[in-house]
Amino acid sequence: MASSSTGSPDRSRPETPRTDTPRTDASRTDRPRTDPLTLEVVELIGTIVARYHEEYEQAAAQHSLTGAQARVLRLLTLQPLPMRRIATSLRCEPSNVTGIVDRLESRGLVERRPDPADRRVKVAAATEEGRATARRLRDALDFANEPLAALSEEERTALRDLLRRMLGEPGSEPAPDPA
């Protein structure tokens, strides 16, 4: 029987028998169990992501930035963006972005300005100093650059295309077999 937080049995729910086999939901019953190669690939991707984030945080700290501030600054070097779009890109709340942009703005790395397409909307844009800081930050990321430098352009293109396909990005479907 399941127990309530007081330690007494909870009779409102039926007891679920425990088994040694992992629970699968209906959507996964038709899939084969994960093979060792897939597990290894997932582990390698996780290791790469963890090492990249660790180095990114260290490089950001060298410029007196948090990782989140560095990511916002990097986004704004590409183009000015409204807070909502920054939040969507970073998968966070717009209120979090406001605080990050406030701190970047106080350092002269970012400025707010009216959106030329809709003057009611404010966009955040990297200043010249912000773009220079983002360049120095990007140049400091050895781990992100070194492993890829060991791959040929063809291998990097194949890796990019496979990653896009894994993410389900439009236009990333495999080419039809010419058979």
N, C-alpha and C. Protein backbone atom coordinates (compact mmCIF):
# COMPACT_ATOMS: atom_id res chain seq x y z
N MET A 1 0.82 -1.18 0.00
CA MET A 1 0.00 0.00 0.00
C MET A 1 0.87 1.24 0.00
N ALA A 2 0.43 2.26 -0.70
CA ALA A 2 1.13 3.53 -0.68
C ALA A 2 0.87 4.18 0.66
N SER A 3 1.83 4.97 1.16
CA SER A 3 1.68 5.64 2.43
C SER A 3 1.51 7.11 2.23
N SER A 4 0.75 7.75 3.13
CA SER A 4 0.62 9.19 3.08
C SER A 4 1.81 9.81 3.78
N SER A 5 1.87 11.14 3.80
CA SER A 5 3.00 11.81 4.42
C SER A 5 3.05 11.59 5.92
N THR A 6 1.96 11.12 6.52
CA THR A 6 1.96 10.84 7.95
C THR A 6 2.46 9.44 8.25
N GLY A 7 2.66 8.65 7.26
CA GLY A 7 3.18 7.30 7.44
C GLY A 7 2.09 6.25 7.47
N SER A 8 0.83 6.64 7.52
CA SER A 8 -0.24 5.66 7.51
C SER A 8 -0.56 5.29 6.09
N PRO A 9 -1.09 4.09 5.87
CA PRO A 9 -1.39 3.66 4.51
C PRO A 9 -2.42 4.57 3.85
N ASP A 10 -2.23 4.84 2.58
CA ASP A 10 -3.16 5.66 1.80
C ASP A 10 -4.03 4.71 1.02
N ARG A 11 -5.29 4.56 1.45
CA ARG A 11 -6.18 3.60 0.83
C ARG A 11 -6.95 4.19 -0.36
N SER A 12 -6.70 5.47 -0.68
CA SER A 12 -7.42 6.08 -1.80
C SER A 12 -6.82 5.71 -3.14
N ARG A 13 -5.59 5.22 -3.13
CA ARG A 13 -4.95 4.83 -4.39
C ARG A 13 -4.62 3.34 -4.35
N PRO A 14 -4.86 2.66 -5.46
CA PRO A 14 -4.48 1.24 -5.47
C PRO A 14 -2.96 1.11 -5.49
N GLU A 15 -2.51 0.05 -4.88
CA GLU A 15 -1.07 -0.18 -4.86
C GLU A 15 -0.59 -0.61 -6.23
N THR A 16 0.53 -0.05 -6.65
CA THR A 16 1.12 -0.42 -7.93
C THR A 16 2.22 -1.43 -7.64
N PRO A 17 2.12 -2.61 -8.21
CA PRO A 17 3.16 -3.60 -7.94
C PRO A 17 4.50 -3.14 -8.52
N ARG A 18 5.56 -3.36 -7.76
CA ARG A 18 6.90 -3.00 -8.23
C ARG A 18 7.47 -4.18 -9.01
N THR A 19 8.15 -3.86 -10.08
CA THR A 19 8.83 -4.88 -10.86
C THR A 19 10.24 -4.42 -11.11
N ASP A 20 11.06 -5.31 -11.52
CA ASP A 20 12.45 -4.97 -11.83
C ASP A 20 12.61 -4.43 -13.23
N THR A 21 11.56 -4.47 -14.04
CA THR A 21 11.67 -3.97 -15.40
C THR A 21 11.26 -2.51 -15.43
N PRO A 22 11.94 -1.71 -16.25
CA PRO A 22 11.58 -0.29 -16.32
C PRO A 22 10.19 -0.10 -16.90
N ARG A 23 9.48 0.92 -16.40
CA ARG A 23 8.15 1.24 -16.89
C ARG A 23 8.26 1.89 -18.26
N THR A 24 7.40 1.49 -19.16
CA THR A 24 7.37 2.13 -20.47
C THR A 24 5.97 2.66 -20.69
N ASP A 25 5.86 3.80 -21.34
CA ASP A 25 4.54 4.31 -21.65
C ASP A 25 4.15 3.83 -23.05
N ALA A 26 2.91 4.08 -23.41
CA ALA A 26 2.38 3.54 -24.67
C ALA A 26 3.14 4.05 -25.88
N SER A 27 3.66 5.26 -25.81
CA SER A 27 4.35 5.82 -26.97
C SER A 27 5.70 5.17 -27.21
N ARG A 28 6.22 4.46 -26.21
CA ARG A 28 7.55 3.88 -26.37
C ARG A 28 7.52 2.37 -26.56
N THR A 29 6.36 1.76 -26.51
CA THR A 29 6.30 0.31 -26.57
C THR A 29 6.72 -0.23 -27.92
N ASP A 30 6.60 0.57 -28.98
CA ASP A 30 6.96 0.08 -30.30
C ASP A 30 8.43 0.34 -30.63
N ARG A 31 9.15 1.01 -29.74
CA ARG A 31 10.56 1.30 -30.01
C ARG A 31 11.44 0.21 -29.38
N PRO A 32 12.52 -0.12 -30.07
CA PRO A 32 13.44 -1.07 -29.46
C PRO A 32 14.17 -0.41 -28.30
N ARG A 33 14.67 -1.21 -27.38
CA ARG A 33 15.45 -0.67 -26.27
C ARG A 33 16.66 0.05 -26.85
N THR A 34 17.16 1.03 -26.11
CA THR A 34 18.29 1.81 -26.58
C THR A 34 19.51 0.91 -26.70
N ASP A 35 20.15 1.01 -27.83
CA ASP A 35 21.31 0.17 -28.09
C ASP A 35 22.57 0.84 -27.52
N PRO A 36 23.65 0.09 -27.33
CA PRO A 36 24.88 0.64 -26.74
C PRO A 36 25.46 1.81 -27.55
N LEU A 37 25.37 1.77 -28.86
CA LEU A 37 25.90 2.87 -29.67
C LEU A 37 25.15 4.16 -29.39
N THR A 38 23.82 4.09 -29.33
CA THR A 38 23.03 5.28 -29.02
C THR A 38 23.38 5.81 -27.64
N LEU A 39 23.51 4.93 -26.66
CA LEU A 39 23.89 5.37 -25.32
C LEU A 39 25.25 6.06 -25.33
N GLU A 40 26.19 5.53 -26.09
CA GLU A 40 27.51 6.15 -26.18
C GLU A 40 27.44 7.53 -26.84
N VAL A 41 26.66 7.64 -27.91
CA VAL A 41 26.51 8.93 -28.60
C VAL A 41 25.88 9.95 -27.66
N VAL A 42 24.83 9.56 -26.93
CA VAL A 42 24.19 10.46 -25.99
C VAL A 42 25.18 10.90 -24.91
N GLU A 43 25.96 9.99 -24.41
CA GLU A 43 26.96 10.31 -23.39
C GLU A 43 28.01 11.28 -23.95
N LEU A 44 28.46 11.05 -25.16
CA LEU A 44 29.45 11.95 -25.78
C LEU A 44 28.87 13.35 -26.01
N ILE A 45 27.64 13.43 -26.47
CA ILE A 45 27.00 14.73 -26.66
C ILE A 45 26.89 15.45 -25.32
N GLY A 46 26.49 14.73 -24.28
CA GLY A 46 26.39 15.32 -22.95
C GLY A 46 27.73 15.83 -22.45
N THR A 47 28.80 15.08 -22.70
CA THR A 47 30.14 15.50 -22.30
C THR A 47 30.57 16.76 -23.04
N ILE A 48 30.30 16.80 -24.33
CA ILE A 48 30.66 17.99 -25.13
C ILE A 48 29.89 19.20 -24.62
N VAL A 49 28.60 19.06 -24.39
CA VAL A 49 27.78 20.17 -23.91
C VAL A 49 28.29 20.65 -22.56
N ALA A 50 28.58 19.73 -21.65
CA ALA A 50 29.06 20.11 -20.32
C ALA A 50 30.40 20.84 -20.40
N ARG A 51 31.32 20.33 -21.22
CA ARG A 51 32.62 21.00 -21.37
C ARG A 51 32.47 22.37 -22.00
N TYR A 52 31.60 22.49 -22.98
CA TYR A 52 31.37 23.79 -23.64
C TYR A 52 30.81 24.79 -22.62
N HIS A 53 29.80 24.37 -21.85
CA HIS A 53 29.20 25.27 -20.87
C HIS A 53 30.21 25.68 -19.81
N GLU A 54 31.01 24.75 -19.36
CA GLU A 54 32.03 25.06 -18.36
C GLU A 54 33.01 26.11 -18.89
N GLU A 55 33.49 25.90 -20.12
CA GLU A 55 34.42 26.86 -20.71
C GLU A 55 33.74 28.19 -21.00
N TYR A 56 32.50 28.15 -21.42
CA TYR A 56 31.76 29.38 -21.71
C TYR A 56 31.60 30.21 -20.44
N GLU A 57 31.26 29.56 -19.33
CA GLU A 57 31.10 30.26 -18.05
C GLU A 57 32.45 30.87 -17.61
N GLN A 58 33.54 30.11 -17.79
CA GLN A 58 34.86 30.63 -17.42
C GLN A 58 35.25 31.82 -18.29
N ALA A 59 35.02 31.73 -19.58
CA ALA A 59 35.35 32.83 -20.49
C ALA A 59 34.49 34.06 -20.17
N ALA A 60 33.22 33.84 -19.86
CA ALA A 60 32.34 34.96 -19.49
C ALA A 60 32.85 35.63 -18.22
N ALA A 61 33.25 34.82 -17.24
CA ALA A 61 33.74 35.37 -15.97
C ALA A 61 35.00 36.22 -16.19
N GLN A 62 35.84 35.84 -17.14
CA GLN A 62 37.05 36.63 -17.43
C GLN A 62 36.68 38.03 -17.93
N HIS A 63 35.46 38.19 -18.43
CA HIS A 63 34.99 39.49 -18.91
C HIS A 63 33.97 40.08 -17.93
N SER A 64 33.97 39.55 -16.70
CA SER A 64 33.05 39.99 -15.64
C SER A 64 31.59 39.88 -16.07
N LEU A 65 31.27 38.81 -16.78
CA LEU A 65 29.91 38.53 -17.22
C LEU A 65 29.46 37.19 -16.65
N THR A 66 28.17 37.04 -16.46
CA THR A 66 27.62 35.72 -16.18
C THR A 66 27.44 35.00 -17.51
N GLY A 67 27.20 33.72 -17.46
CA GLY A 67 26.94 32.98 -18.69
C GLY A 67 25.71 33.51 -19.41
N ALA A 68 24.67 33.85 -18.64
CA ALA A 68 23.43 34.37 -19.25
C ALA A 68 23.69 35.72 -19.91
N GLN A 69 24.46 36.58 -19.26
CA GLN A 69 24.79 37.88 -19.87
C GLN A 69 25.56 37.68 -21.16
N ALA A 70 26.51 36.75 -21.16
CA ALA A 70 27.30 36.49 -22.36
C ALA A 70 26.43 35.97 -23.49
N ARG A 71 25.46 35.10 -23.17
CA ARG A 71 24.58 34.56 -24.21
C ARG A 71 23.70 35.67 -24.80
N VAL A 72 23.18 36.56 -23.95
CA VAL A 72 22.37 37.66 -24.46
C VAL A 72 23.23 38.56 -25.34
N LEU A 73 24.43 38.87 -24.88
CA LEU A 73 25.31 39.73 -25.66
C LEU A 73 25.61 39.11 -27.01
N ARG A 74 25.88 37.80 -27.03
CA ARG A 74 26.14 37.10 -28.30
C ARG A 74 24.95 37.22 -29.24
N LEU A 75 23.74 37.00 -28.71
CA LEU A 75 22.54 37.12 -29.54
C LEU A 75 22.40 38.52 -30.13
N LEU A 76 22.69 39.53 -29.31
CA LEU A 76 22.50 40.91 -29.75
C LEU A 76 23.57 41.37 -30.72
N THR A 77 24.68 40.63 -30.82
CA THR A 77 25.68 40.99 -31.84
C THR A 77 25.18 40.57 -33.22
N LEU A 78 24.25 39.66 -33.28
CA LEU A 78 23.70 39.22 -34.56
C LEU A 78 22.70 40.24 -35.10
N GLN A 79 21.85 40.76 -34.20
CA GLN A 79 20.85 41.75 -34.58
C GLN A 79 20.16 42.27 -33.32
N PRO A 80 19.66 43.50 -33.36
CA PRO A 80 18.87 44.01 -32.22
C PRO A 80 17.59 43.17 -32.09
N LEU A 81 17.19 42.91 -30.85
CA LEU A 81 16.02 42.07 -30.61
C LEU A 81 15.16 42.63 -29.49
N PRO A 82 13.83 42.46 -29.59
CA PRO A 82 12.97 42.80 -28.46
C PRO A 82 13.17 41.77 -27.34
N MET A 83 12.86 42.18 -26.12
CA MET A 83 13.06 41.30 -24.96
C MET A 83 12.37 39.95 -25.13
N ARG A 84 11.17 39.96 -25.65
CA ARG A 84 10.42 38.70 -25.79
C ARG A 84 11.15 37.71 -26.71
N ARG A 85 11.75 38.21 -27.79
CA ARG A 85 12.49 37.31 -28.70
C ARG A 85 13.76 36.79 -28.03
N ILE A 86 14.42 37.64 -27.24
CA ILE A 86 15.60 37.18 -26.50
C ILE A 86 15.18 36.07 -25.54
N ALA A 87 14.09 36.29 -24.82
CA ALA A 87 13.60 35.29 -23.86
C ALA A 87 13.25 33.98 -24.56
N THR A 88 12.63 34.07 -25.72
CA THR A 88 12.28 32.87 -26.47
C THR A 88 13.55 32.12 -26.88
N SER A 89 14.55 32.84 -27.36
CA SER A 89 15.80 32.21 -27.78
C SER A 89 16.51 31.52 -26.62
N LEU A 90 16.45 32.15 -25.44
CA LEU A 90 17.13 31.59 -24.27
C LEU A 90 16.24 30.66 -23.46
N ARG A 91 14.98 30.54 -23.86
CA ARG A 91 13.99 29.71 -23.17
C ARG A 91 13.86 30.13 -21.69
N CYS A 92 13.62 31.43 -21.50
CA CYS A 92 13.41 31.94 -20.15
C CYS A 92 12.33 33.02 -20.19
N GLU A 93 12.00 33.55 -19.03
CA GLU A 93 10.96 34.57 -18.92
C GLU A 93 11.49 35.94 -19.34
N PRO A 94 10.66 36.76 -20.00
CA PRO A 94 11.09 38.11 -20.38
C PRO A 94 11.56 38.95 -19.19
N SER A 95 10.98 38.74 -18.01
CA SER A 95 11.41 39.50 -16.84
C SER A 95 12.86 39.20 -16.48
N ASN A 96 13.31 37.96 -16.70
CA ASN A 96 14.72 37.62 -16.47
C ASN A 96 15.61 38.38 -17.45
N VAL A 97 15.17 38.47 -18.69
CA VAL A 97 15.94 39.15 -19.72
C VAL A 97 16.07 40.64 -19.41
N THR A 98 15.02 41.22 -18.87
CA THR A 98 15.07 42.64 -18.53
C THR A 98 16.21 42.93 -17.56
N GLY A 99 16.35 42.11 -16.53
CA GLY A 99 17.44 42.29 -15.57
C GLY A 99 18.81 42.10 -16.19
N ILE A 100 18.93 41.12 -17.07
CA ILE A 100 20.21 40.87 -17.75
C ILE A 100 20.57 42.06 -18.63
N VAL A 101 19.60 42.54 -19.40
CA VAL A 101 19.84 43.68 -20.29
C VAL A 101 20.15 44.93 -19.46
N ASP A 102 19.47 45.11 -18.33
CA ASP A 102 19.77 46.25 -17.45
C ASP A 102 21.25 46.25 -17.05
N ARG A 103 21.76 45.09 -16.64
CA ARG A 103 23.16 45.01 -16.21
C ARG A 103 24.13 45.23 -17.38
N LEU A 104 23.81 44.68 -18.54
CA LEU A 104 24.65 44.90 -19.72
C LEU A 104 24.62 46.38 -20.13
N GLU A 105 23.46 46.98 -20.04
CA GLU A 105 23.31 48.38 -20.41
C GLU A 105 24.11 49.27 -19.45
N SER A 106 24.11 48.94 -18.16
CA SER A 106 24.85 49.76 -17.19
C SER A 106 26.36 49.70 -17.44
N ARG A 107 26.82 48.67 -18.11
CA ARG A 107 28.24 48.54 -18.45
C ARG A 107 28.56 49.09 -19.83
N GLY A 108 27.56 49.59 -20.54
CA GLY A 108 27.78 50.16 -21.86
C GLY A 108 27.93 49.12 -22.96
N LEU A 109 27.50 47.88 -22.70
CA LEU A 109 27.63 46.82 -23.70
C LEU A 109 26.39 46.69 -24.57
N VAL A 110 25.27 47.19 -24.07
CA VAL A 110 23.98 47.08 -24.75
C VAL A 110 23.24 48.41 -24.58
N GLU A 111 22.42 48.72 -25.56
CA GLU A 111 21.55 49.90 -25.44
C GLU A 111 20.15 49.51 -25.87
N ARG A 112 19.18 50.23 -25.33
CA ARG A 112 17.79 50.05 -25.74
C ARG A 112 17.46 51.17 -26.72
N ARG A 113 16.69 50.81 -27.74
CA ARG A 113 16.27 51.82 -28.73
C ARG A 113 14.91 51.41 -29.30
N PRO A 114 14.21 52.35 -29.89
CA PRO A 114 12.91 52.00 -30.50
C PRO A 114 13.12 51.07 -31.69
N ASP A 115 12.21 50.13 -31.85
CA ASP A 115 12.23 49.23 -32.99
C ASP A 115 11.82 50.03 -34.23
N PRO A 116 12.65 50.07 -35.27
CA PRO A 116 12.30 50.84 -36.47
C PRO A 116 10.98 50.38 -37.11
N ALA A 117 10.64 49.10 -36.94
CA ALA A 117 9.41 48.58 -37.54
C ALA A 117 8.17 48.93 -36.71
N ASP A 118 8.35 49.18 -35.40
CA ASP A 118 7.23 49.49 -34.52
C ASP A 118 7.78 50.29 -33.35
N ARG A 119 7.67 51.60 -33.41
CA ARG A 119 8.30 52.47 -32.42
C ARG A 119 7.74 52.29 -31.01
N ARG A 120 6.62 51.57 -30.87
CA ARG A 120 6.09 51.28 -29.53
C ARG A 120 6.93 50.22 -28.83
N VAL A 121 7.71 49.46 -29.60
CA VAL A 121 8.50 48.35 -29.07
C VAL A 121 9.95 48.81 -28.92
N LYS A 122 10.56 48.44 -27.80
CA LYS A 122 11.98 48.71 -27.60
C LYS A 122 12.76 47.44 -27.93
N VAL A 123 13.89 47.62 -28.58
CA VAL A 123 14.79 46.49 -28.83
C VAL A 123 16.08 46.75 -28.07
N ALA A 124 16.76 45.67 -27.75
CA ALA A 124 18.09 45.77 -27.16
C ALA A 124 19.08 45.53 -28.29
N ALA A 125 20.15 46.31 -28.30
CA ALA A 125 21.17 46.20 -29.35
C ALA A 125 22.55 46.29 -28.72
N ALA A 126 23.48 45.50 -29.23
CA ALA A 126 24.86 45.56 -28.75
C ALA A 126 25.50 46.87 -29.19
N THR A 127 26.25 47.48 -28.29
CA THR A 127 27.02 48.67 -28.64
C THR A 127 28.32 48.21 -29.28
N GLU A 128 29.11 49.14 -29.76
CA GLU A 128 30.41 48.78 -30.33
C GLU A 128 31.27 48.07 -29.28
N GLU A 129 31.26 48.58 -28.05
CA GLU A 129 32.01 47.92 -26.96
C GLU A 129 31.44 46.53 -26.69
N GLY A 130 30.13 46.37 -26.78
CA GLY A 130 29.50 45.06 -26.60
C GLY A 130 29.92 44.08 -27.67
N ARG A 131 29.98 44.54 -28.92
CA ARG A 131 30.42 43.66 -30.02
C ARG A 131 31.89 43.26 -29.84
N ALA A 132 32.72 44.22 -29.39
CA ALA A 132 34.14 43.91 -29.17
C ALA A 132 34.29 42.90 -28.03
N THR A 133 33.52 43.06 -26.97
CA THR A 133 33.57 42.11 -25.84
C THR A 133 33.10 40.74 -26.29
N ALA A 134 32.04 40.68 -27.08
CA ALA A 134 31.55 39.39 -27.58
C ALA A 134 32.59 38.71 -28.47
N ARG A 135 33.32 39.49 -29.27
CA ARG A 135 34.38 38.91 -30.12
C ARG A 135 35.49 38.33 -29.25
N ARG A 136 35.92 39.07 -28.22
CA ARG A 136 36.97 38.58 -27.32
C ARG A 136 36.51 37.32 -26.60
N LEU A 137 35.27 37.31 -26.20
CA LEU A 137 34.70 36.15 -25.53
C LEU A 137 34.71 34.94 -26.46
N ARG A 138 34.24 35.13 -27.68
CA ARG A 138 34.20 34.03 -28.67
C ARG A 138 35.61 33.52 -28.95
N ASP A 139 36.59 34.42 -29.07
CA ASP A 139 37.96 34.01 -29.35
C ASP A 139 38.58 33.24 -28.20
N ALA A 140 38.06 33.42 -26.98
CA ALA A 140 38.60 32.73 -25.81
C ALA A 140 38.07 31.30 -25.68
N LEU A 141 37.13 30.91 -26.50
CA LEU A 141 36.51 29.59 -26.38
C LEU A 141 37.31 28.55 -27.16
N ASP A 142 38.39 28.10 -26.57
CA ASP A 142 39.24 27.11 -27.23
C ASP A 142 38.53 25.79 -27.46
N PHE A 143 37.85 25.28 -26.42
CA PHE A 143 37.24 23.96 -26.56
C PHE A 143 36.21 23.93 -27.68
N ALA A 144 35.45 25.01 -27.81
CA ALA A 144 34.41 25.04 -28.84
C ALA A 144 35.02 25.03 -30.23
N ASN A 145 36.23 25.55 -30.36
CA ASN A 145 36.85 25.64 -31.67
C ASN A 145 37.78 24.47 -31.98
N GLU A 146 38.57 24.03 -31.00
CA GLU A 146 39.61 23.03 -31.27
C GLU A 146 39.10 21.70 -31.80
N PRO A 147 38.10 21.06 -31.17
CA PRO A 147 37.67 19.76 -31.71
C PRO A 147 37.13 19.87 -33.13
N LEU A 148 36.45 20.96 -33.42
CA LEU A 148 35.90 21.13 -34.76
C LEU A 148 36.99 21.41 -35.78
N ALA A 149 38.07 22.04 -35.35
CA ALA A 149 39.17 22.34 -36.26
C ALA A 149 39.83 21.06 -36.76
N ALA A 150 39.74 19.99 -35.98
CA ALA A 150 40.33 18.72 -36.38
C ALA A 150 39.50 18.00 -37.45
N LEU A 151 38.28 18.49 -37.69
CA LEU A 151 37.41 17.88 -38.70
C LEU A 151 37.54 18.64 -40.02
N SER A 152 37.39 17.91 -41.10
CA SER A 152 37.40 18.55 -42.41
C SER A 152 36.10 19.35 -42.58
N GLU A 153 36.06 20.19 -43.59
CA GLU A 153 34.84 20.96 -43.85
C GLU A 153 33.68 20.01 -44.15
N GLU A 154 33.96 18.95 -44.89
CA GLU A 154 32.92 17.96 -45.20
C GLU A 154 32.38 17.30 -43.93
N GLU A 155 33.28 16.97 -42.99
CA GLU A 155 32.85 16.35 -41.73
C GLU A 155 32.05 17.34 -40.88
N ARG A 156 32.49 18.59 -40.83
CA ARG A 156 31.75 19.61 -40.06
C ARG A 156 30.37 19.83 -40.66
N THR A 157 30.28 19.83 -41.99
CA THR A 157 28.99 20.00 -42.66
C THR A 157 28.08 18.81 -42.34
N ALA A 158 28.63 17.60 -42.40
CA ALA A 158 27.83 16.41 -42.08
C ALA A 158 27.36 16.44 -40.63
N LEU A 159 28.25 16.84 -39.72
CA LEU A 159 27.88 16.94 -38.30
C LEU A 159 26.78 17.98 -38.10
N ARG A 160 26.94 19.14 -38.71
CA ARG A 160 25.91 20.19 -38.62
C ARG A 160 24.58 19.67 -39.13
N ASP A 161 24.59 19.02 -40.28
CA ASP A 161 23.35 18.52 -40.87
C ASP A 161 22.70 17.46 -39.99
N LEU A 162 23.50 16.58 -39.39
CA LEU A 162 22.96 15.56 -38.49
C LEU A 162 22.36 16.20 -37.24
N LEU A 163 23.04 17.19 -36.67
CA LEU A 163 22.53 17.87 -35.48
C LEU A 163 21.22 18.60 -35.80
N ARG A 164 21.18 19.25 -36.95
CA ARG A 164 19.94 19.92 -37.36
C ARG A 164 18.80 18.91 -37.49
N ARG A 165 19.11 17.76 -38.06
CA ARG A 165 18.10 16.72 -38.25
C ARG A 165 17.62 16.19 -36.90
N MET A 166 18.56 16.02 -35.95
CA MET A 166 18.19 15.56 -34.61
C MET A 166 17.26 16.56 -33.94
N LEU A 167 17.45 17.85 -34.22
CA LEU A 167 16.62 18.89 -33.63
C LEU A 167 15.31 19.10 -34.39
N GLY A 168 15.18 18.42 -35.53
CA GLY A 168 13.96 18.52 -36.32
C GLY A 168 13.80 19.86 -37.01
N GLU A 169 14.91 20.49 -37.34
CA GLU A 169 14.84 21.79 -38.02
C GLU A 169 14.32 21.59 -39.44
N PRO A 170 13.50 22.54 -39.91
CA PRO A 170 12.97 22.45 -41.28
C PRO A 170 14.11 22.38 -42.30
N GLY A 171 13.90 21.58 -43.31
CA GLY A 171 14.89 21.45 -44.38
C GLY A 171 16.05 20.55 -44.01
N SER A 172 15.95 19.85 -42.87
CA SER A 172 17.08 19.03 -42.43
C SER A 172 16.83 17.54 -42.66
N GLU A 173 15.80 17.24 -43.44
CA GLU A 173 15.50 15.84 -43.72
C GLU A 173 16.62 15.24 -44.59
N PRO A 174 16.86 13.95 -44.44
CA PRO A 174 17.90 13.34 -45.27
C PRO A 174 17.52 13.40 -46.75
N ALA A 175 18.53 13.48 -47.58
CA ALA A 175 18.30 13.49 -49.02
C ALA A 175 17.76 12.14 -49.45
N PRO A 176 16.88 12.11 -50.44
CA PRO A 176 16.34 10.83 -50.92
C PRO A 176 17.45 9.96 -51.49
N ASP A 177 17.29 8.67 -51.31
CA ASP A 177 18.27 7.71 -51.80
C ASP A 177 18.20 7.67 -53.33
N PRO A 178 19.33 7.91 -54.04
CA PRO A 178 19.29 7.97 -55.50
C PRO A 178 19.12 6.61 -56.18
N ALA A 179 18.75 5.59 -55.46
CA ALA A 179 18.63 4.24 -56.04
C ALA A 179 17.57 4.09 -57.04
